[in-house]
All heavy atoms as atom14 arrays in JSON, in Angstrom:
{
  "sequence": "ELVGQSTSGGSIIYLDSVKGRFTISRDNAKN",
  "atom14_mask": [
    [1, 1, 1, 1, 1, 1, 1, 1, 1, 0, 0, 0, 0, 0],
    [1, 1, 1, 1, 1, 1, 1, 1, 0, 0, 0, 0, 0, 0],
    [1, 1, 1, 1, 1, 1, 1, 0, 0, 0, 0, 0, 0, 0],
    [1, 1, 1, 1, 0, 0, 0, 0, 0, 0, 0, 0, 0, 0],
    [1, 1, 1, 1, 1, 1, 1, 1, 1, 0, 0, 0, 0, 0],
    [1, 1, 1, 1, 1, 1, 0, 0, 0, 0, 0, 0, 0, 0],
    [1, 1, 1, 1, 1, 1, 1, 0, 0, 0, 0, 0, 0, 0],
    [1, 1, 1, 1, 1, 1, 0, 0, 0, 0, 0, 0, 0, 0],
    [1, 1, 1, 1, 0, 0, 0, 0, 0, 0, 0, 0, 0, 0],
    [1, 1, 1, 1, 0, 0, 0, 0, 0, 0, 0, 0, 0, 0],
    [1, 1, 1, 1, 1, 1, 0, 0, 0, 0, 0, 0, 0, 0],
    [1, 1, 1, 1, 1, 1, 1, 1, 0, 0, 0, 0, 0, 0],
    [1, 1, 1, 1, 1, 1, 1, 1, 0, 0, 0, 0, 0, 0],
    [1, 1, 1, 1, 1, 1, 1, 1, 1, 1, 1, 1, 0, 0],
    [1, 1, 1, 1, 1, 1, 1, 1, 0, 0, 0, 0, 0, 0],
    [1, 1, 1, 1, 1, 1, 1, 1, 0, 0, 0, 0, 0, 0],
    [1, 1, 1, 1, 1, 1, 0, 0, 0, 0, 0, 0, 0, 0],
    [1, 1, 1, 1, 1, 1, 1, 0, 0, 0, 0, 0, 0, 0],
    [1, 1, 1, 1, 1, 1, 1, 1, 1, 0, 0, 0, 0, 0],
    [1, 1, 1, 1, 0, 0, 0, 0, 0, 0, 0, 0, 0, 0],
    [1, 1, 1, 1, 1, 1, 1, 1, 1, 1, 1, 0, 0, 0],
    [1, 1, 1, 1, 1, 1, 1, 1, 1, 1, 1, 0, 0, 0],
    [1, 1, 1, 1, 1, 1, 1, 0, 0, 0, 0, 0, 0, 0],
    [1, 1, 1, 1, 1, 1, 1, 1, 0, 0, 0, 0, 0, 0],
    [1, 1, 1, 1, 1, 1, 0, 0, 0, 0, 0, 0, 0, 0],
    [1, 1, 1, 1, 1, 1, 1, 1, 1, 1, 1, 0, 0, 0],
    [1, 1, 1, 1, 1, 1, 1, 1, 0, 0, 0, 0, 0, 0],
    [1, 1, 1, 1, 1, 1, 1, 1, 0, 0, 0, 0, 0, 0],
    [1, 1, 1, 1, 1, 0, 0, 0, 0, 0, 0, 0, 0, 0],
    [1, 1, 1, 1, 1, 1, 1, 1, 1, 0, 0, 0, 0, 0],
    [1, 1, 1, 1, 1, 1, 1, 1, 0, 0, 0, 0, 0, 0]
  ],
  "atom14_positions": [
    [[-2.33, -5.11, 37.48], [-1.0, -4.99, 38.06], [-0.67, -6.14, 38.98], [-1.58, -6.75, 39.56], [-0.86, -3.67, 38.83], [-1.81, -3.53, 40.02], [-1.74, -2.19, 40.72], [-0.79, -1.43, 40.41], [-2.59, -1.88, 41.55], [0.0, 0.0, 0.0], [0.0, 0.0, 0.0], [0.0, 0.0, 0.0], [0.0, 0.0, 0.0], [0.0, 0.0, 0.0]],
    [[0.58, -6.45, 39.06], [1.04, -7.5, 39.96], [1.04, -7.0, 41.42], [1.68, -6.0, 41.72], [2.44, -7.94, 39.57], [3.15, -8.97, 40.48], [2.41, -10.3, 40.42], [4.62, -9.12, 40.09], [0.0, 0.0, 0.0], [0.0, 0.0, 0.0], [0.0, 0.0, 0.0], [0.0, 0.0, 0.0], [0.0, 0.0, 0.0], [0.0, 0.0, 0.0]],
    [[0.33, -7.68, 42.23], [0.28, -7.35, 43.66], [1.4, -8.01, 44.42], [2.05, -7.39, 45.27], [-1.09, -7.75, 44.27], [-1.12, -7.47, 45.75], [-2.21, -7.02, 43.57], [0.0, 0.0, 0.0], [0.0, 0.0, 0.0], [0.0, 0.0, 0.0], [0.0, 0.0, 0.0], [0.0, 0.0, 0.0], [0.0, 0.0, 0.0], [0.0, 0.0, 0.0]],
    [[1.64, -9.26, 44.12], [2.71, -10.01, 44.76], [2.81, -11.39, 44.16], [1.87, -11.88, 43.52], [0.0, 0.0, 0.0], [0.0, 0.0, 0.0], [0.0, 0.0, 0.0], [0.0, 0.0, 0.0], [0.0, 0.0, 0.0], [0.0, 0.0, 0.0], [0.0, 0.0, 0.0], [0.0, 0.0, 0.0], [0.0, 0.0, 0.0], [0.0, 0.0, 0.0]],
    [[3.94, -12.03, 44.39], [4.13, -13.37, 43.87], [5.11, -14.13, 44.73], [5.97, -13.53, 45.38], [4.61, -13.4, 42.41], [5.98, -12.8, 42.18], [6.42, -12.88, 40.74], [5.59, -12.67, 39.86], [7.68, -13.11, 40.51], [0.0, 0.0, 0.0], [0.0, 0.0, 0.0], [0.0, 0.0, 0.0], [0.0, 0.0, 0.0], [0.0, 0.0, 0.0]],
    [[4.98, -15.42, 44.72], [5.89, -16.3, 45.44], [6.39, -17.39, 44.49], [5.61, -17.9, 43.65], [5.27, -16.92, 46.67], [4.23, -17.81, 46.35], [0.0, 0.0, 0.0], [0.0, 0.0, 0.0], [0.0, 0.0, 0.0], [0.0, 0.0, 0.0], [0.0, 0.0, 0.0], [0.0, 0.0, 0.0], [0.0, 0.0, 0.0], [0.0, 0.0, 0.0]],
    [[7.65, -17.75, 44.61], [8.21, -18.82, 43.81], [8.29, -20.11, 44.58], [8.17, -20.12, 45.8], [9.64, -18.45, 43.28], [10.54, -18.49, 44.4], [9.63, -17.09, 42.65], [0.0, 0.0, 0.0], [0.0, 0.0, 0.0], [0.0, 0.0, 0.0], [0.0, 0.0, 0.0], [0.0, 0.0, 0.0], [0.0, 0.0, 0.0], [0.0, 0.0, 0.0]],
    [[8.48, -21.19, 43.86], [8.62, -22.5, 44.51], [9.83, -22.54, 45.4], [9.92, -23.36, 46.31], [8.68, -23.62, 43.45], [9.76, -23.42, 42.58], [0.0, 0.0, 0.0], [0.0, 0.0, 0.0], [0.0, 0.0, 0.0], [0.0, 0.0, 0.0], [0.0, 0.0, 0.0], [0.0, 0.0, 0.0], [0.0, 0.0, 0.0], [0.0, 0.0, 0.0]],
    [[10.79, -21.65, 45.1], [11.98, -21.58, 45.95], [11.83, -20.73, 47.18], [12.75, -20.65, 48.0], [0.0, 0.0, 0.0], [0.0, 0.0, 0.0], [0.0, 0.0, 0.0], [0.0, 0.0, 0.0], [0.0, 0.0, 0.0], [0.0, 0.0, 0.0], [0.0, 0.0, 0.0], [0.0, 0.0, 0.0], [0.0, 0.0, 0.0], [0.0, 0.0, 0.0]],
    [[10.68, -20.06, 47.35], [10.4, -19.35, 48.56], [10.57, -17.85, 48.5], [10.39, -17.16, 49.48], [0.0, 0.0, 0.0], [0.0, 0.0, 0.0], [0.0, 0.0, 0.0], [0.0, 0.0, 0.0], [0.0, 0.0, 0.0], [0.0, 0.0, 0.0], [0.0, 0.0, 0.0], [0.0, 0.0, 0.0], [0.0, 0.0, 0.0], [0.0, 0.0, 0.0]],
    [[10.99, -17.33, 47.34], [11.15, -15.87, 47.24], [9.8, -15.2, 47.03], [8.95, -15.72, 46.32], [12.12, -15.51, 46.13], [11.58, -15.89, 44.85], [0.0, 0.0, 0.0], [0.0, 0.0, 0.0], [0.0, 0.0, 0.0], [0.0, 0.0, 0.0], [0.0, 0.0, 0.0], [0.0, 0.0, 0.0], [0.0, 0.0, 0.0], [0.0, 0.0, 0.0]],
    [[9.65, -14.03, 47.59], [8.4, -13.31, 47.54], [8.67, -11.82, 47.22], [9.59, -11.24, 47.76], [7.61, -13.39, 48.86], [7.34, -14.88, 49.23], [6.31, -12.61, 48.79], [6.69, -15.05, 50.59], [0.0, 0.0, 0.0], [0.0, 0.0, 0.0], [0.0, 0.0, 0.0], [0.0, 0.0, 0.0], [0.0, 0.0, 0.0], [0.0, 0.0, 0.0]],
    [[7.84, -11.27, 46.36], [7.93, -9.85, 46.05], [6.54, -9.26, 46.15], [5.51, -9.95, 45.99], [8.53, -9.57, 44.67], [7.66, -10.19, 43.55], [9.95, -10.07, 44.59], [8.1, -9.77, 42.16], [0.0, 0.0, 0.0], [0.0, 0.0, 0.0], [0.0, 0.0, 0.0], [0.0, 0.0, 0.0], [0.0, 0.0, 0.0], [0.0, 0.0, 0.0]],
    [[6.47, -7.93, 46.41], [5.21, -7.25, 46.54], [5.24, -5.9, 45.78], [6.29, -5.29, 45.62], [4.9, -6.93, 48.0], [4.72, -8.17, 48.88], [5.73, -8.61, 49.69], [3.48, -8.81, 48.93], [5.56, -9.73, 50.5], [3.3, -9.89, 49.73], [4.35, -10.35, 50.54], [4.16, -11.45, 51.32], [0.0, 0.0, 0.0], [0.0, 0.0, 0.0]],
    [[4.07, -5.5, 45.38], [3.89, -4.16, 44.91], [4.22, -3.19, 46.03], [3.85, -3.4, 47.19], [2.44, -3.95, 44.46], [2.02, -2.63, 43.84], [2.67, -2.41, 42.53], [0.49, -2.61, 43.71], [0.0, 0.0, 0.0], [0.0, 0.0, 0.0], [0.0, 0.0, 0.0], [0.0, 0.0, 0.0], [0.0, 0.0, 0.0], [0.0, 0.0, 0.0]],
    [[4.92, -2.09, 45.71], [5.35, -1.16, 46.74], [4.22, -0.67, 47.61], [4.37, -0.53, 48.83], [6.09, 0.03, 46.13], [7.48, -0.28, 45.66], [8.01, -1.32, 46.05], [8.03, 0.52, 44.9], [0.0, 0.0, 0.0], [0.0, 0.0, 0.0], [0.0, 0.0, 0.0], [0.0, 0.0, 0.0], [0.0, 0.0, 0.0], [0.0, 0.0, 0.0]],
    [[3.08, -0.39, 47.01], [1.97, 0.19, 47.75], [1.31, -0.76, 48.74], [0.51, -0.33, 49.58], [0.92, 0.74, 46.77], [0.35, -0.3, 46.0], [0.0, 0.0, 0.0], [0.0, 0.0, 0.0], [0.0, 0.0, 0.0], [0.0, 0.0, 0.0], [0.0, 0.0, 0.0], [0.0, 0.0, 0.0], [0.0, 0.0, 0.0], [0.0, 0.0, 0.0]],
    [[1.63, -2.05, 48.67], [1.02, -3.02, 49.58], [2.03, -3.6, 50.55], [1.66, -4.39, 51.45], [0.28, -4.17, 48.84], [-0.66, -3.6, 47.81], [1.29, -5.12, 48.19], [0.0, 0.0, 0.0], [0.0, 0.0, 0.0], [0.0, 0.0, 0.0], [0.0, 0.0, 0.0], [0.0, 0.0, 0.0], [0.0, 0.0, 0.0], [0.0, 0.0, 0.0]],
    [[3.29, -3.29, 50.41], [4.33, -3.79, 51.29], [4.01, -3.42, 52.75], [3.68, -2.28, 53.06], [5.7, -3.24, 50.93], [6.24, -3.85, 49.66], [7.65, -3.24, 49.35], [8.22, -3.88, 48.08], [9.53, -3.27, 47.75], [0.0, 0.0, 0.0], [0.0, 0.0, 0.0], [0.0, 0.0, 0.0], [0.0, 0.0, 0.0], [0.0, 0.0, 0.0]],
    [[4.11, -4.38, 53.6], [3.8, -4.16, 55.03], [2.36, -4.38, 55.38], [2.03, -4.44, 56.57], [0.0, 0.0, 0.0], [0.0, 0.0, 0.0], [0.0, 0.0, 0.0], [0.0, 0.0, 0.0], [0.0, 0.0, 0.0], [0.0, 0.0, 0.0], [0.0, 0.0, 0.0], [0.0, 0.0, 0.0], [0.0, 0.0, 0.0], [0.0, 0.0, 0.0]],
    [[1.5, -4.47, 54.37], [0.08, -4.65, 54.62], [-0.42, -6.03, 54.07], [-1.3, -6.61, 54.69], [-0.74, -3.57, 53.97], [-0.44, -2.16, 54.5], [-1.45, -1.15, 53.95], [-1.37, -1.01, 52.49], [-2.38, -1.27, 51.67], [-3.56, -1.67, 52.15], [-2.24, -1.14, 50.37], [0.0, 0.0, 0.0], [0.0, 0.0, 0.0], [0.0, 0.0, 0.0]],
    [[0.14, -6.46, 52.98], [-0.31, -7.71, 52.36], [0.77, -8.77, 52.53], [1.99, -8.47, 52.54], [-0.52, -7.53, 50.83], [-1.71, -6.7, 50.46], [-2.41, -5.95, 51.41], [-2.13, -6.66, 49.15], [-3.5, -5.2, 51.07], [-3.23, -5.9, 48.8], [-3.91, -5.17, 49.74], [0.0, 0.0, 0.0], [0.0, 0.0, 0.0], [0.0, 0.0, 0.0]],
    [[0.32, -10.02, 52.68], [1.24, -11.13, 52.83], [0.77, -12.3, 51.97], [-0.39, -12.72, 52.08], [1.34, -11.57, 54.29], [1.77, -10.49, 55.1], [2.35, -12.71, 54.43], [0.0, 0.0, 0.0], [0.0, 0.0, 0.0], [0.0, 0.0, 0.0], [0.0, 0.0, 0.0], [0.0, 0.0, 0.0], [0.0, 0.0, 0.0], [0.0, 0.0, 0.0]],
    [[1.69, -12.86, 51.19], [1.39, -14.07, 50.4], [1.94, -15.26, 51.15], [3.05, -15.24, 51.69], [2.04, -13.98, 49.02], [1.36, -12.93, 48.15], [2.02, -15.32, 48.32], [2.06, -12.69, 46.83], [0.0, 0.0, 0.0], [0.0, 0.0, 0.0], [0.0, 0.0, 0.0], [0.0, 0.0, 0.0], [0.0, 0.0, 0.0], [0.0, 0.0, 0.0]],
    [[1.14, -16.32, 51.19], [1.59, -17.55, 51.77], [1.09, -18.72, 50.96], [0.15, -18.6, 50.17], [1.13, -17.7, 53.23], [-0.28, -17.7, 53.31], [0.0, 0.0, 0.0], [0.0, 0.0, 0.0], [0.0, 0.0, 0.0], [0.0, 0.0, 0.0], [0.0, 0.0, 0.0], [0.0, 0.0, 0.0], [0.0, 0.0, 0.0], [0.0, 0.0, 0.0]],
    [[1.78, -19.86, 51.11], [1.42, -21.04, 50.34], [1.21, -22.23, 51.28], [1.98, -22.41, 52.25], [2.52, -21.39, 49.33], [2.85, -20.31, 48.35], [4.16, -20.61, 47.6], [4.07, -21.79, 46.75], [4.45, -21.83, 45.46], [4.96, -20.74, 44.88], [4.34, -22.96, 44.8], [0.0, 0.0, 0.0], [0.0, 0.0, 0.0], [0.0, 0.0, 0.0]],
    [[0.24, -23.01, 51.01], [0.02, -24.24, 51.72], [0.0, -25.35, 50.66], [-1.02, -25.64, 50.05], [-1.29, -24.22, 52.5], [-1.45, -25.47, 53.41], [-0.84, -26.5, 53.13], [-2.19, -25.33, 54.4], [0.0, 0.0, 0.0], [0.0, 0.0, 0.0], [0.0, 0.0, 0.0], [0.0, 0.0, 0.0], [0.0, 0.0, 0.0], [0.0, 0.0, 0.0]],
    [[1.14, -25.95, 50.44], [1.27, -26.95, 49.38], [0.42, -28.17, 49.64], [-0.08, -28.8, 48.71], [2.71, -27.37, 49.21], [3.56, -26.28, 48.61], [3.11, -25.46, 47.81], [4.87, -26.28, 48.94], [0.0, 0.0, 0.0], [0.0, 0.0, 0.0], [0.0, 0.0, 0.0], [0.0, 0.0, 0.0], [0.0, 0.0, 0.0], [0.0, 0.0, 0.0]],
    [[0.24, -28.52, 50.89], [-0.59, -29.67, 51.25], [-2.04, -29.48, 50.83], [-2.73, -30.43, 50.47], [-0.51, -29.97, 52.73], [0.0, 0.0, 0.0], [0.0, 0.0, 0.0], [0.0, 0.0, 0.0], [0.0, 0.0, 0.0], [0.0, 0.0, 0.0], [0.0, 0.0, 0.0], [0.0, 0.0, 0.0], [0.0, 0.0, 0.0], [0.0, 0.0, 0.0]],
    [[-2.5, -28.23, 50.86], [-3.86, -27.93, 50.49], [-3.96, -27.36, 49.05], [-5.06, -27.03, 48.62], [-4.47, -26.93, 51.44], [-4.6, -27.44, 52.88], [-5.26, -26.36, 53.77], [-5.43, -26.91, 55.18], [-6.04, -25.89, 56.07], [0.0, 0.0, 0.0], [0.0, 0.0, 0.0], [0.0, 0.0, 0.0], [0.0, 0.0, 0.0], [0.0, 0.0, 0.0]],
    [[-2.81, -27.29, 48.39], [-2.79, -26.75, 47.04], [-3.45, -25.35, 46.97], [-4.24, -25.07, 46.07], [-3.45, -27.71, 46.04], [-2.68, -29.0, 45.9], [-1.47, -29.02, 45.91], [-3.43, -30.1, 45.75], [0.0, 0.0, 0.0], [0.0, 0.0, 0.0], [0.0, 0.0, 0.0], [0.0, 0.0, 0.0], [0.0, 0.0, 0.0], [0.0, 0.0, 0.0]]
  ]
}
């Protein structure tokens, strides 16, 4: 199942059961 995803444009979605507990972040400099 999809837990969460982020797009290059900055949009983020999460699985309902993890909302508020999980956070996706990106560090492009570190790939």
